[in-house]
Amino acid sequence: MKFSPSDHSSLNRTQALECIPTQNNGIHWQQLDSGEILFTYPLPLNSFFKALHRKFGKYQGELPEKKLQLDAMGSFVWLEIDGKKTVREIIRNFAGKYKVTVQEAEHAVTAFLKTLGQRGLIALC
C-alpha cells in the first residue's frame, strides 16, 4: 500500500519509521562524478499555467523541467532508498556514515524524506 504525504499524518512515529520508501520510477536522475545526485523532472503546473505554457511555451506539449542537485548527505539518503530498507534502517545508516546521533539523523532524514515525498520523488509503503 502506498501513502501520499498527507496520509502520513495518521501514522504514529513507530509506524512511520517502519515505512519503506521507494524511488519514483518516472523521475530521471543521474549520479555525477562528484557522487552527488542530479534530478530532472517535469515542473508541476496547475491547469491555468499548463494552458499558458501550451499557448506561449517554446515546445508544444512538453512541460518545463526542473533540476535539483542533492548535496552529499542527500545523495547518500537517495542511494539508500532501494525499496527494501525501512526509514529506520536508513536513519541508522546515515547516523553511522556521518557520525551523528540517531536522534539527529532521524530529524534530518525524516525532514528530507518528507520533502522528497512532497516533490513526488518518492513514495512510502
PDB file of N, CA and C in Angstrom:
ATOM      1  N   MET A   1       0.842  -1.175   0.000  1.00  0.00           N
ATOM      2  CA  MET A   1       0.000   0.000   0.000  1.00  0.00           C
ATOM      3  C   MET A   1       0.882   1.232   0.000  1.00  0.00           C
ATOM      4  N   LYS A   2       0.615   2.170  -0.872  1.00  0.00           N
ATOM      5  CA  LYS A   2       1.392   3.405  -0.968  1.00  0.00           C
ATOM      6  C   LYS A   2       0.619   4.523  -0.290  1.00  0.00           C
ATOM      7  N   PHE A   3       1.379   5.431   0.315  1.00  0.00           N
ATOM      8  CA  PHE A   3       0.794   6.561   1.009  1.00  0.00           C
ATOM      9  C   PHE A   3       1.249   7.846   0.350  1.00  0.00           C
ATOM     10  N   SER A   4       0.358   8.817   0.293  1.00  0.00           N
ATOM     11  CA  SER A   4       0.771  10.155  -0.108  1.00  0.00           C
ATOM     12  C   SER A   4       1.257  10.863   1.143  1.00  0.00           C
ATOM     13  N   PRO A   5       1.992  11.998   0.997  1.00  0.00           N
ATOM     14  CA  PRO A   5       2.482  12.688   2.186  1.00  0.00           C
ATOM     15  C   PRO A   5       1.372  13.060   3.168  1.00  0.00           C
ATOM     16  N   SER A   6       0.188  13.385   2.698  1.00  0.00           N
ATOM     17  CA  SER A   6      -0.900  13.764   3.613  1.00  0.00           C
ATOM     18  C   SER A   6      -1.424  12.565   4.395  1.00  0.00           C
ATOM     19  N   ASP A   7      -1.290  11.352   3.845  1.00  0.00           N
ATOM     20  CA  ASP A   7      -1.740  10.145   4.544  1.00  0.00           C
ATOM     21  C   ASP A   7      -0.909   9.864   5.782  1.00  0.00           C
ATOM     22  N   HIS A   8       0.321  10.348   5.806  1.00  0.00           N
ATOM     23  CA  HIS A   8       1.226  10.016   6.898  1.00  0.00           C
ATOM     24  C   HIS A   8       0.890  10.730   8.191  1.00  0.00           C
ATOM     25  N   SER A   9      -0.007  11.694   8.157  1.00  0.00           N
ATOM     26  CA  SER A   9      -0.362  12.392   9.391  1.00  0.00           C
ATOM     27  C   SER A   9      -1.055  11.450  10.369  1.00  0.00           C
ATOM     28  N   SER A  10      -1.648  10.369   9.877  1.00  0.00           N
ATOM     29  CA  SER A  10      -2.336   9.426  10.751  1.00  0.00           C
ATOM     30  C   SER A  10      -1.415   8.333  11.291  1.00  0.00           C
ATOM     31  N   LEU A  11      -0.174   8.273  10.795  1.00  0.00           N
ATOM     32  CA  LEU A  11       0.771   7.267  11.271  1.00  0.00           C
ATOM     33  C   LEU A  11       1.431   7.747  12.561  1.00  0.00           C
ATOM     34  N   ASN A  12       1.653   6.810  13.489  1.00  0.00           N
ATOM     35  CA  ASN A  12       2.435   7.189  14.655  1.00  0.00           C
ATOM     36  C   ASN A  12       3.917   7.067  14.289  1.00  0.00           C
ATOM     37  N   ARG A  13       4.790   7.495  15.189  1.00  0.00           N
ATOM     38  CA  ARG A  13       6.227   7.519  14.920  1.00  0.00           C
ATOM     39  C   ARG A  13       6.759   6.132  14.575  1.00  0.00           C
ATOM     40  N   THR A  14       6.380   5.130  15.335  1.00  0.00           N
ATOM     41  CA  THR A  14       6.865   3.765  15.092  1.00  0.00           C
ATOM     42  C   THR A  14       6.443   3.283  13.717  1.00  0.00           C
ATOM     43  N   GLN A  15       5.185   3.509  13.336  1.00  0.00           N
ATOM     44  CA  GLN A  15       4.708   3.097  12.016  1.00  0.00           C
ATOM     45  C   GLN A  15       5.455   3.835  10.907  1.00  0.00           C
ATOM     46  N   ALA A  16       5.675   5.125  11.102  1.00  0.00           N
ATOM     47  CA  ALA A  16       6.365   5.920  10.085  1.00  0.00           C
ATOM     48  C   ALA A  16       7.796   5.429   9.879  1.00  0.00           C
ATOM     49  N   LEU A  17       8.469   5.055  10.958  1.00  0.00           N
ATOM     50  CA  LEU A  17       9.852   4.591  10.844  1.00  0.00           C
ATOM     51  C   LEU A  17       9.951   3.210  10.200  1.00  0.00           C
ATOM     52  N   GLU A  18       8.861   2.467  10.197  1.00  0.00           N
ATOM     53  CA  GLU A  18       8.851   1.140   9.562  1.00  0.00           C
ATOM     54  C   GLU A  18       8.424   1.204   8.100  1.00  0.00           C
ATOM     55  N   CYS A  19       8.047   2.370   7.602  1.00  0.00           N
ATOM     56  CA  CYS A  19       7.700   2.507   6.182  1.00  0.00           C
ATOM     57  C   CYS A  19       8.942   2.293   5.328  1.00  0.00           C
ATOM     58  N   ILE A  20       8.705   1.834   4.114  1.00  0.00           N
ATOM     59  CA  ILE A  20       9.793   1.591   3.164  1.00  0.00           C
ATOM     60  C   ILE A  20       9.644   2.587   2.013  1.00  0.00           C
ATOM     61  N   PRO A  21      10.561   3.548   1.923  1.00  0.00           N
ATOM     62  CA  PRO A  21      10.474   4.492   0.808  1.00  0.00           C
ATOM     63  C   PRO A  21      10.918   3.842  -0.500  1.00  0.00           C
ATOM     64  N   THR A  22      10.290   4.246  -1.586  1.00  0.00           N
ATOM     65  CA  THR A  22      10.668   3.774  -2.918  1.00  0.00           C
ATOM     66  C   THR A  22      10.832   4.976  -3.837  1.00  0.00           C
ATOM     67  N   GLN A  23      11.782   4.870  -4.728  1.00  0.00           N
ATOM     68  CA  GLN A  23      12.021   5.936  -5.699  1.00  0.00           C
ATOM     69  C   GLN A  23      10.913   5.925  -6.750  1.00  0.00           C
ATOM     70  N   ASN A  24      10.512   7.109  -7.174  1.00  0.00           N
ATOM     71  CA  ASN A  24       9.537   7.244  -8.250  1.00  0.00           C
ATOM     72  C   ASN A  24      10.242   6.899  -9.558  1.00  0.00           C
ATOM     73  N   ASN A  25       9.774   5.854 -10.227  1.00  0.00           N
ATOM     74  CA  ASN A  25      10.407   5.413 -11.470  1.00  0.00           C
ATOM     75  C   ASN A  25      10.260   6.409 -12.607  1.00  0.00           C
ATOM     76  N   GLY A  26       9.318   7.343 -12.483  1.00  0.00           N
ATOM     77  CA  GLY A  26       9.106   8.320 -13.538  1.00  0.00           C
ATOM     78  C   GLY A  26      10.055   9.504 -13.472  1.00  0.00           C
ATOM     79  N   ILE A  27      10.947   9.506 -12.504  1.00  0.00           N
ATOM     80  CA  ILE A  27      11.876  10.615 -12.323  1.00  0.00           C
ATOM     81  C   ILE A  27      13.232  10.221 -12.898  1.00  0.00           C
ATOM     82  N   HIS A  28      13.794  11.111 -13.707  1.00  0.00           N
ATOM     83  CA  HIS A  28      15.133  10.861 -14.251  1.00  0.00           C
ATOM     84  C   HIS A  28      16.164  11.417 -13.270  1.00  0.00           C
ATOM     85  N   TRP A  29      17.143  10.594 -12.940  1.00  0.00           N
ATOM     86  CA  TRP A  29      18.232  11.071 -12.091  1.00  0.00           C
ATOM     87  C   TRP A  29      19.531  10.437 -12.534  1.00  0.00           C
ATOM     88  N   GLN A  30      20.614  11.097 -12.185  1.00  0.00           N
ATOM     89  CA  GLN A  30      21.931  10.564 -12.510  1.00  0.00           C
ATOM     90  C   GLN A  30      22.884  10.905 -11.383  1.00  0.00           C
ATOM     91  N   GLN A  31      23.897  10.062 -11.232  1.00  0.00           N
ATOM     92  CA  GLN A  31      24.931  10.328 -10.243  1.00  0.00           C
ATOM     93  C   GLN A  31      26.093  11.008 -10.960  1.00  0.00           C
ATOM     94  N   LEU A  32      26.432  12.202 -10.505  1.00  0.00           N
ATOM     95  CA  LEU A  32      27.503  12.981 -11.113  1.00  0.00           C
ATOM     96  C   LEU A  32      28.865  12.444 -10.678  1.00  0.00           C
ATOM     97  N   ASP A  33      29.920  12.884 -11.341  1.00  0.00           N
ATOM     98  CA  ASP A  33      31.274  12.464 -10.991  1.00  0.00           C
ATOM     99  C   ASP A  33      31.601  12.781  -9.535  1.00  0.00           C
ATOM    100  N   SER A  34      30.983  13.833  -8.998  1.00  0.00           N
ATOM    101  CA  SER A  34      31.199  14.228  -7.603  1.00  0.00           C
ATOM    102  C   SER A  34      30.535  13.264  -6.625  1.00  0.00           C
ATOM    103  N   GLY A  35      29.677  12.385  -7.153  1.00  0.00           N
ATOM    104  CA  GLY A  35      28.918  11.470  -6.300  1.00  0.00           C
ATOM    105  C   GLY A  35      27.543  12.006  -5.967  1.00  0.00           C
ATOM    106  N   GLU A  36      27.303  13.276  -6.265  1.00  0.00           N
ATOM    107  CA  GLU A  36      26.012  13.885  -5.967  1.00  0.00           C
ATOM    108  C   GLU A  36      24.981  13.477  -7.017  1.00  0.00           C
ATOM    109  N   ILE A  37      23.725  13.521  -6.600  1.00  0.00           N
ATOM    110  CA  ILE A  37      22.610  13.125  -7.457  1.00  0.00           C
ATOM    111  C   ILE A  37      21.987  14.372  -8.085  1.00  0.00           C
ATOM    112  N   LEU A  38      21.698  14.288  -9.380  1.00  0.00           N
ATOM    113  CA  LEU A  38      21.018  15.357 -10.104  1.00  0.00           C
ATOM    114  C   LEU A  38      19.712  14.804 -10.654  1.00  0.00           C
ATOM    115  N   PHE A  39      18.594  15.423 -10.264  1.00  0.00           N
ATOM    116  CA  PHE A  39      17.270  15.049 -10.754  1.00  0.00           C
ATOM    117  C   PHE A  39      16.858  15.983 -11.873  1.00  0.00           C
ATOM    118  N   THR A  40      16.111  15.454 -12.822  1.00  0.00           N
ATOM    119  CA  THR A  40      15.419  16.250 -13.820  1.00  0.00           C
ATOM    120  C   THR A  40      13.993  15.724 -13.861  1.00  0.00           C
ATOM    121  N   TYR A  41      13.040  16.609 -13.568  1.00  0.00           N
ATOM    122  CA  TYR A  41      11.652  16.161 -13.546  1.00  0.00           C
ATOM    123  C   TYR A  41      10.735  17.277 -14.012  1.00  0.00           C
ATOM    124  N   PRO A  42       9.546  16.918 -14.504  1.00  0.00           N
ATOM    125  CA  PRO A  42       8.624  17.938 -15.000  1.00  0.00           C
ATOM    126  C   PRO A  42       8.180  18.856 -13.866  1.00  0.00           C
ATOM    127  N   LEU A  43       8.159  20.133 -14.157  1.00  0.00           N
ATOM    128  CA  LEU A  43       7.688  21.113 -13.190  1.00  0.00           C
ATOM    129  C   LEU A  43       6.176  20.977 -13.077  1.00  0.00           C
ATOM    130  N   PRO A  44       5.669  20.719 -11.854  1.00  0.00           N
ATOM    131  CA  PRO A  44       4.217  20.585 -11.719  1.00  0.00           C
ATOM    132  C   PRO A  44       3.536  21.944 -11.907  1.00  0.00           C
ATOM    133  N   LEU A  45       2.598  21.981 -12.813  1.00  0.00           N
ATOM    134  CA  LEU A  45       1.870  23.218 -13.091  1.00  0.00           C
ATOM    135  C   LEU A  45       0.381  22.970 -12.903  1.00  0.00           C
ATOM    136  N   ASN A  46      -0.319  23.980 -12.388  1.00  0.00           N
ATOM    137  CA  ASN A  46      -1.767  23.842 -12.317  1.00  0.00           C
ATOM    138  C   ASN A  46      -2.335  24.045 -13.724  1.00  0.00           C
ATOM    139  N   SER A  47      -3.597  23.795 -13.910  1.00  0.00           N
ATOM    140  CA  SER A  47      -4.198  23.799 -15.250  1.00  0.00           C
ATOM    141  C   SER A  47      -4.083  25.163 -15.935  1.00  0.00           C
ATOM    142  N   PHE A  48      -4.151  26.258 -15.185  1.00  0.00           N
ATOM    143  CA  PHE A  48      -4.024  27.593 -15.774  1.00  0.00           C
ATOM    144  C   PHE A  48      -2.640  27.770 -16.392  1.00  0.00           C
ATOM    145  N   PHE A  49      -1.598  27.429 -15.642  1.00  0.00           N
ATOM    146  CA  PHE A  49      -0.243  27.596 -16.148  1.00  0.00           C
ATOM    147  C   PHE A  49       0.090  26.593 -17.241  1.00  0.00           C
ATOM    148  N   LYS A  50      -0.519  25.407 -17.201  1.00  0.00           N
ATOM    149  CA  LYS A  50      -0.334  24.445 -18.291  1.00  0.00           C
ATOM    150  C   LYS A  50      -0.883  25.032 -19.587  1.00  0.00           C
ATOM    151  N   ALA A  51      -2.061  25.646 -19.492  1.00  0.00           N
ATOM    152  CA  ALA A  51      -2.661  26.249 -20.681  1.00  0.00           C
ATOM    153  C   ALA A  51      -1.793  27.392 -21.212  1.00  0.00           C
ATOM    154  N   LEU A  52      -1.267  28.217 -20.330  1.00  0.00           N
ATOM    155  CA  LEU A  52      -0.373  29.303 -20.751  1.00  0.00           C
ATOM    156  C   LEU A  52       0.883  28.746 -21.416  1.00  0.00           C
ATOM    157  N   HIS A  53       1.434  27.699 -20.825  1.00  0.00           N
ATOM    158  CA  HIS A  53       2.647  27.111 -21.379  1.00  0.00           C
ATOM    159  C   HIS A  53       2.386  26.529 -22.768  1.00  0.00           C
ATOM    160  N   ARG A  54       1.243  25.867 -22.934  1.00  0.00           N
ATOM    161  CA  ARG A  54       0.905  25.300 -24.246  1.00  0.00           C
ATOM    162  C   ARG A  54       0.757  26.401 -25.292  1.00  0.00           C
ATOM    163  N   LYS A  55       0.183  27.513 -24.864  1.00  0.00           N
ATOM    164  CA  LYS A  55      -0.072  28.596 -25.820  1.00  0.00           C
ATOM    165  C   LYS A  55       1.199  29.369 -26.155  1.00  0.00           C
ATOM    166  N   PHE A  56       2.039  29.633 -25.150  1.00  0.00           N
ATOM    167  CA  PHE A  56       3.187  30.505 -25.354  1.00  0.00           C
ATOM    168  C   PHE A  56       4.542  29.831 -25.148  1.00  0.00           C
ATOM    169  N   GLY A  57       4.532  28.554 -24.743  1.00  0.00           N
ATOM    170  CA  GLY A  57       5.787  27.859 -24.456  1.00  0.00           C
ATOM    171  C   GLY A  57       6.597  27.583 -25.705  1.00  0.00           C
ATOM    172  N   LYS A  58       7.878  27.323 -25.503  1.00  0.00           N
ATOM    173  CA  LYS A  58       8.790  27.051 -26.619  1.00  0.00           C
ATOM    174  C   LYS A  58       8.425  25.746 -27.322  1.00  0.00           C
ATOM    175  N   TYR A  59       8.045  24.745 -26.521  1.00  0.00           N
ATOM    176  CA  TYR A  59       7.784  23.421 -27.069  1.00  0.00           C
ATOM    177  C   TYR A  59       6.345  23.041 -26.781  1.00  0.00           C
ATOM    178  N   GLN A  60       5.614  22.750 -27.814  1.00  0.00           N
ATOM    179  CA  GLN A  60       4.221  22.377 -27.644  1.00  0.00           C
ATOM    180  C   GLN A  60       4.123  20.993 -27.002  1.00  0.00           C
ATOM    181  N   GLY A  61       3.318  20.874 -25.965  1.00  0.00           N
ATOM    182  CA  GLY A  61       3.071  19.590 -25.342  1.00  0.00           C
ATOM    183  C   GLY A  61       4.064  19.193 -24.274  1.00  0.00           C
ATOM    184  N   GLU A  62       5.243  19.777 -24.246  1.00  0.00           N
ATOM    185  CA  GLU A  62       6.236  19.430 -23.241  1.00  0.00           C
ATOM    186  C   GLU A  62       6.186  20.441 -22.102  1.00  0.00           C
ATOM    187  N   LEU A  63       6.170  19.943 -20.903  1.00  0.00           N
ATOM    188  CA  LEU A  63       6.169  20.817 -19.742  1.00  0.00           C
ATOM    189  C   LEU A  63       7.596  21.216 -19.389  1.00  0.00           C
ATOM    190  N   PRO A  64       7.760  22.384 -18.796  1.00  0.00           N
ATOM    191  CA  PRO A  64       9.115  22.765 -18.381  1.00  0.00           C
ATOM    192  C   PRO A  64       9.650  21.794 -17.339  1.00  0.00           C
ATOM    193  N   GLU A  65      10.954  21.633 -17.347  1.00  0.00           N
ATOM    194  CA  GLU A  65      11.587  20.715 -16.401  1.00  0.00           C
ATOM    195  C   GLU A  65      12.285  21.484 -15.294  1.00  0.00           C
ATOM    196  N   LYS A  66      12.389  20.811 -14.175  1.00  0.00           N
ATOM    197  CA  LYS A  66      13.089  21.357 -13.026  1.00  0.00           C
ATOM    198  C   LYS A  66      14.291  20.465 -12.767  1.00  0.00           C
ATOM    199  N   LYS A  67      15.393  21.079 -12.366  1.00  0.00           N
ATOM    200  CA  LYS A  67      16.585  20.327 -11.994  1.00  0.00           C
ATOM    201  C   LYS A  67      16.825  20.550 -10.514  1.00  0.00           C
ATOM    202  N   LEU A  68      17.260  19.503  -9.853  1.00  0.00           N
ATOM    203  CA  LEU A  68      17.544  19.551  -8.426  1.00  0.00           C
ATOM    204  C   LEU A  68      18.792  18.723  -8.180  1.00  0.00           C
ATOM    205  N   GLN A  69      19.818  19.353  -7.618  1.00  0.00           N
ATOM    206  CA  GLN A  69      21.045  18.632  -7.284  1.00  0.00           C
ATOM    207  C   GLN A  69      21.138  18.494  -5.777  1.00  0.00           C
ATOM    208  N   LEU A  70      21.313  17.260  -5.326  1.00  0.00           N
ATOM    209  CA  LEU A  70      21.435  16.984  -3.905  1.00  0.00           C
ATOM    210  C   LEU A  70      22.879  17.148  -3.457  1.00  0.00           C
ATOM    211  N   ASP A  71      23.050  17.510  -2.198  1.00  0.00           N
ATOM    212  CA  ASP A  71      24.397  17.538  -1.631  1.00  0.00           C
ATOM    213  C   ASP A  71      24.805  16.106  -1.281  1.00  0.00           C
ATOM    214  N   ALA A  72      25.978  15.950  -0.683  1.00  0.00           N
ATOM    215  CA  ALA A  72      26.491  14.607  -0.382  1.00  0.00           C
ATOM    216  C   ALA A  72      25.562  13.844   0.559  1.00  0.00           C
ATOM    217  N   MET A  73      25.042  14.517   1.581  1.00  0.00           N
ATOM    218  CA  MET A  73      24.163  13.832   2.535  1.00  0.00           C
ATOM    219  C   MET A  73      22.847  13.421   1.884  1.00  0.00           C
ATOM    220  N   GLY A  74      22.259  14.316   1.124  1.00  0.00           N
ATOM    221  CA  GLY A  74      21.025  13.983   0.431  1.00  0.00           C
ATOM    222  C   GLY A  74      21.229  12.862  -0.577  1.00  0.00           C
ATOM    223  N   SER A  75      22.365  12.893  -1.258  1.00  0.00           N
ATOM    224  CA  SER A  75      22.675  11.845  -2.231  1.00  0.00           C
ATOM    225  C   SER A  75      22.838  10.495  -1.541  1.00  0.00           C
ATOM    226  N   PHE A  76      23.463  10.501  -0.355  1.00  0.00           N
ATOM    227  CA  PHE A  76      23.607   9.263   0.410  1.00  0.00           C
ATOM    228  C   PHE A  76      22.232   8.682   0.731  1.00  0.00           C
ATOM    229  N   VAL A  77      21.325   9.536   1.211  1.00  0.00           N
ATOM    230  CA  VAL A  77      19.974   9.064   1.554  1.00  0.00           C
ATOM    231  C   VAL A  77      19.275   8.548   0.303  1.00  0.00           C
ATOM    232  N   TRP A  78      19.366   9.281  -0.808  1.00  0.00           N
ATOM    233  CA  TRP A  78      18.720   8.852  -2.044  1.00  0.00           C
ATOM    234  C   TRP A  78      19.185   7.456  -2.458  1.00  0.00           C
ATOM    235  N   LEU A  79      20.468   7.223  -2.385  1.00  0.00           N
ATOM    236  CA  LEU A  79      21.006   5.919  -2.788  1.00  0.00           C
ATOM    237  C   LEU A  79      20.633   4.814  -1.805  1.00  0.00           C
ATOM    238  N   GLU A  80      20.282   5.180  -0.580  1.00  0.00           N
ATOM    239  CA  GLU A  80      19.812   4.200   0.412  1.00  0.00           C
ATOM    240  C   GLU A  80      18.376   3.751   0.113  1.00  0.00           C
ATOM    241  N   ILE A  81      17.639   4.553  -0.628  1.00  0.00           N
ATOM    242  CA  ILE A  81      16.230   4.237  -0.935  1.00  0.00           C
ATOM    243  C   ILE A  81      16.223   3.182  -2.036  1.00  0.00           C
ATOM    244  N   ASP A  82      16.107   1.936  -1.611  1.00  0.00           N
ATOM    245  CA  ASP A  82      16.196   0.815  -2.553  1.00  0.00           C
ATOM    246  C   ASP A  82      14.917  -0.026  -2.598  1.00  0.00           C
ATOM    247  N   GLY A  83      13.874   0.424  -1.905  1.00  0.00           N
ATOM    248  CA  GLY A  83      12.635  -0.335  -1.880  1.00  0.00           C
ATOM    249  C   GLY A  83      12.656  -1.502  -0.914  1.00  0.00           C
ATOM    250  N   LYS A  84      13.742  -1.643  -0.153  1.00  0.00           N
ATOM    251  CA  LYS A  84      13.869  -2.727   0.817  1.00  0.00           C
ATOM    252  C   LYS A  84      14.113  -2.204   2.230  1.00  0.00           C
ATOM    253  N   LYS A  85      14.882  -1.144   2.340  1.00  0.00           N
ATOM    254  CA  LYS A  85      15.234  -0.594   3.654  1.00  0.00           C
ATOM    255  C   LYS A  85      14.085   0.245   4.203  1.00  0.00           C
ATOM    256  N   THR A  86      13.874   0.112   5.501  1.00  0.00           N
ATOM    257  CA  THR A  86      12.889   0.952   6.180  1.00  0.00           C
ATOM    258  C   THR A  86      13.503   2.322   6.447  1.00  0.00           C
ATOM    259  N   VAL A  87      12.650   3.264   6.789  1.00  0.00           N
ATOM    260  CA  VAL A  87      13.128   4.583   7.183  1.00  0.00           C
ATOM    261  C   VAL A  87      14.077   4.447   8.367  1.00  0.00           C
ATOM    262  N   ARG A  88      13.749   3.599   9.312  1.00  0.00           N
ATOM    263  CA  ARG A  88      14.601   3.376  10.486  1.00  0.00           C
ATOM    264  C   ARG A  88      16.002   2.901  10.080  1.00  0.00           C
ATOM    265  N   GLU A  89      16.089   1.972   9.125  1.00  0.00           N
ATOM    266  CA  GLU A  89      17.390   1.474   8.670  1.00  0.00           C
ATOM    267  C   GLU A  89      18.196   2.573   7.981  1.00  0.00           C
ATOM    268  N   ILE A  90      17.518   3.373   7.183  1.00  0.00           N
ATOM    269  CA  ILE A  90      18.202   4.482   6.503  1.00  0.00           C
ATOM    270  C   ILE A  90      18.747   5.463   7.536  1.00  0.00           C
ATOM    271  N   ILE A  91      17.961   5.745   8.566  1.00  0.00           N
ATOM    272  CA  ILE A  91      18.400   6.644   9.640  1.00  0.00           C
ATOM    273  C   ILE A  91      19.652   6.088  10.323  1.00  0.00           C
ATOM    274  N   ARG A  92      19.636   4.815  10.660  1.00  0.00           N
ATOM    275  CA  ARG A  92      20.808   4.197  11.314  1.00  0.00           C
ATOM    276  C   ARG A  92      22.048   4.271  10.422  1.00  0.00           C
ATOM    277  N   ASN A  93      21.874   3.978   9.136  1.00  0.00           N
ATOM    278  CA  ASN A  93      23.000   4.036   8.210  1.00  0.00           C
ATOM    279  C   ASN A  93      23.539   5.458   8.086  1.00  0.00           C
ATOM    280  N   PHE A  94      22.627   6.429   8.042  1.00  0.00           N
ATOM    281  CA  PHE A  94      23.011   7.844   7.964  1.00  0.00           C
ATOM    282  C   PHE A  94      23.793   8.247   9.215  1.00  0.00           C
ATOM    283  N   ALA A  95      23.290   7.851  10.378  1.00  0.00           N
ATOM    284  CA  ALA A  95      23.960   8.176  11.647  1.00  0.00           C
ATOM    285  C   ALA A  95      25.366   7.593  11.671  1.00  0.00           C
ATOM    286  N   GLY A  96      25.518   6.361  11.210  1.00  0.00           N
ATOM    287  CA  GLY A  96      26.835   5.732  11.178  1.00  0.00           C
ATOM    288  C   GLY A  96      27.780   6.403  10.200  1.00  0.00           C
ATOM    289  N   LYS A  97      27.278   6.725   9.025  1.00  0.00           N
ATOM    290  CA  LYS A  97      28.115   7.342   7.983  1.00  0.00           C
ATOM    291  C   LYS A  97      28.591   8.732   8.397  1.00  0.00           C
ATOM    292  N   TYR A  98      27.688   9.534   8.967  1.00  0.00           N
ATOM    293  CA  TYR A  98      28.004  10.931   9.260  1.00  0.00           C
ATOM    294  C   TYR A  98      28.322  11.190  10.731  1.00  0.00           C
ATOM    295  N   LYS A  99      28.418  10.113  11.520  1.00  0.00           N
ATOM    296  CA  LYS A  99      28.831  10.218  12.930  1.00  0.00           C
ATOM    297  C   LYS A  99      27.981  11.235  13.707  1.00  0.00           C
ATOM    298  N   VAL A 100      26.677  11.088  13.577  1.00  0.00           N
ATOM    299  CA  VAL A 100      25.735  11.903  14.344  1.00  0.00           C
ATOM    300  C   VAL A 100      24.883  10.962  15.184  1.00  0.00           C
ATOM    301  N   THR A 101      24.178  11.507  16.151  1.00  0.00           N
ATOM    302  CA  THR A 101      23.312  10.667  16.970  1.00  0.00           C
ATOM    303  C   THR A 101      22.137  10.179  16.138  1.00  0.00           C
ATOM    304  N   VAL A 102      21.518   9.117  16.587  1.00  0.00           N
ATOM    305  CA  VAL A 102      20.343   8.592  15.885  1.00  0.00           C
ATOM    306  C   VAL A 102      19.223   9.635  15.890  1.00  0.00           C
ATOM    307  N   GLN A 103      19.096  10.384  16.979  1.00  0.00           N
ATOM    308  CA  GLN A 103      18.063  11.423  17.051  1.00  0.00           C
ATOM    309  C   GLN A 103      18.318  12.523  16.021  1.00  0.00           C
ATOM    310  N   GLU A 104      19.575  12.947  15.870  1.00  0.00           N
ATOM    311  CA  GLU A 104      19.905  13.965  14.865  1.00  0.00           C
ATOM    312  C   GLU A 104      19.651  13.427  13.458  1.00  0.00           C
ATOM    313  N   ALA A 105      20.051  12.183  13.246  1.00  0.00           N
ATOM    314  CA  ALA A 105      19.839  11.559  11.941  1.00  0.00           C
ATOM    315  C   ALA A 105      18.347  11.429  11.644  1.00  0.00           C
ATOM    316  N   GLU A 106      17.560  11.038  12.651  1.00  0.00           N
ATOM    317  CA  GLU A 106      16.116  10.894  12.447  1.00  0.00           C
ATOM    318  C   GLU A 106      15.499  12.217  12.031  1.00  0.00           C
ATOM    319  N   HIS A 107      15.873  13.281  12.701  1.00  0.00           N
ATOM    320  CA  HIS A 107      15.317  14.597  12.361  1.00  0.00           C
ATOM    321  C   HIS A 107      15.682  14.983  10.923  1.00  0.00           C
ATOM    322  N   ALA A 108      16.961  14.831  10.567  1.00  0.00           N
ATOM    323  CA  ALA A 108      17.417  15.224   9.233  1.00  0.00           C
ATOM    324  C   ALA A 108      16.815  14.342   8.137  1.00  0.00           C
ATOM    325  N   VAL A 109      16.849  13.045   8.324  1.00  0.00           N
ATOM    326  CA  VAL A 109      16.396  12.111   7.290  1.00  0.00           C
ATOM    327  C   VAL A 109      14.887  12.201   7.096  1.00  0.00           C
ATOM    328  N   THR A 110      14.127  12.255   8.178  1.00  0.00           N
ATOM    329  CA  THR A 110      12.662  12.316   8.018  1.00  0.00           C
ATOM    330  C   THR A 110      12.232  13.624   7.363  1.00  0.00           C
ATOM    331  N   ALA A 111      12.890  14.735   7.703  1.00  0.00           N
ATOM    332  CA  ALA A 111      12.563  16.012   7.050  1.00  0.00           C
ATOM    333  C   ALA A 111      12.888  15.941   5.561  1.00  0.00           C
ATOM    334  N   PHE A 112      14.021  15.332   5.233  1.00  0.00           N
ATOM    335  CA  PHE A 112      14.425  15.199   3.836  1.00  0.00           C
ATOM    336  C   PHE A 112      13.465  14.287   3.074  1.00  0.00           C
ATOM    337  N   LEU A 113      13.079  13.160   3.666  1.00  0.00           N
ATOM    338  CA  LEU A 113      12.132  12.258   3.014  1.00  0.00           C
ATOM    339  C   LEU A 113      10.784  12.933   2.799  1.00  0.00           C
ATOM    340  N   LYS A 114      10.367  13.742   3.749  1.00  0.00           N
ATOM    341  CA  LYS A 114       9.102  14.473   3.601  1.00  0.00           C
ATOM    342  C   LYS A 114       9.181  15.407   2.391  1.00  0.00           C
ATOM    343  N   THR A 115      10.306  16.102   2.247  1.00  0.00           N
ATOM    344  CA  THR A 115      10.486  16.994   1.102  1.00  0.00           C
ATOM    345  C   THR A 115      10.482  16.216  -0.210  1.00  0.00           C
ATOM    346  N   LEU A 116      11.182  15.087  -0.249  1.00  0.00           N
ATOM    347  CA  LEU A 116      11.180  14.254  -1.459  1.00  0.00           C
ATOM    348  C   LEU A 116       9.762  13.787  -1.789  1.00  0.00           C
ATOM    349  N   GLY A 117       9.001  13.408  -0.761  1.00  0.00           N
ATOM    350  CA  GLY A 117       7.623  12.977  -0.978  1.00  0.00           C
ATOM    351  C   GLY A 117       6.751  14.093  -1.519  1.00  0.00           C
ATOM    352  N   GLN A 118       6.909  15.297  -0.972  1.00  0.00           N
ATOM    353  CA  GLN A 118       6.121  16.433  -1.426  1.00  0.00           C
ATOM    354  C   GLN A 118       6.431  16.791  -2.871  1.00  0.00           C
ATOM    355  N   ARG A 119       7.656  16.542  -3.298  1.00  0.00           N
ATOM    356  CA  ARG A 119       8.043  16.818  -4.685  1.00  0.00           C
ATOM    357  C   ARG A 119       7.695  15.663  -5.626  1.00  0.00           C
ATOM    358  N   GLY A 120       7.164  14.582  -5.063  1.00  0.00           N
ATOM    359  CA  GLY A 120       6.778  13.443  -5.885  1.00  0.00           C
ATOM    360  C   GLY A 120       7.942  12.562  -6.307  1.00  0.00           C
ATOM    361  N   LEU A 121       9.068  12.686  -5.626  1.00  0.00           N
ATOM    362  CA  LEU A 121      10.239  11.901  -5.998  1.00  0.00           C
ATOM    363  C   LEU A 121      10.264  10.526  -5.356  1.00  0.00           C
ATOM    364  N   ILE A 122       9.538  10.373  -4.251  1.00  0.00           N
ATOM    365  CA  ILE A 122       9.447   9.066  -3.580  1.00  0.00           C
ATOM    366  C   ILE A 122       8.021   8.799  -3.167  1.00  0.00           C
ATOM    367  N   ALA A 123       7.777   7.539  -2.844  1.00  0.00           N
ATOM    368  CA  ALA A 123       6.526   7.101  -2.209  1.00  0.00           C
ATOM    369  C   ALA A 123       6.930   6.261  -1.017  1.00  0.00           C
ATOM    370  N   LEU A 124       6.056   6.188  -0.035  1.00  0.00           N
ATOM    371  CA  LEU A 124       6.286   5.346   1.135  1.00  0.00           C
ATOM    372  C   LEU A 124       5.241   4.249   1.148  1.00  0.00           C
ATOM    373  N   CYS A 125       5.668   3.031   1.450  1.00  0.00           N
ATOM    374  CA  CYS A 125       4.706   1.939   1.525  1.00  0.00           C
ATOM    375  C   CYS A 125       4.920   1.147   2.788  1.00  0.00           C
TER     376      CYS A 125
END
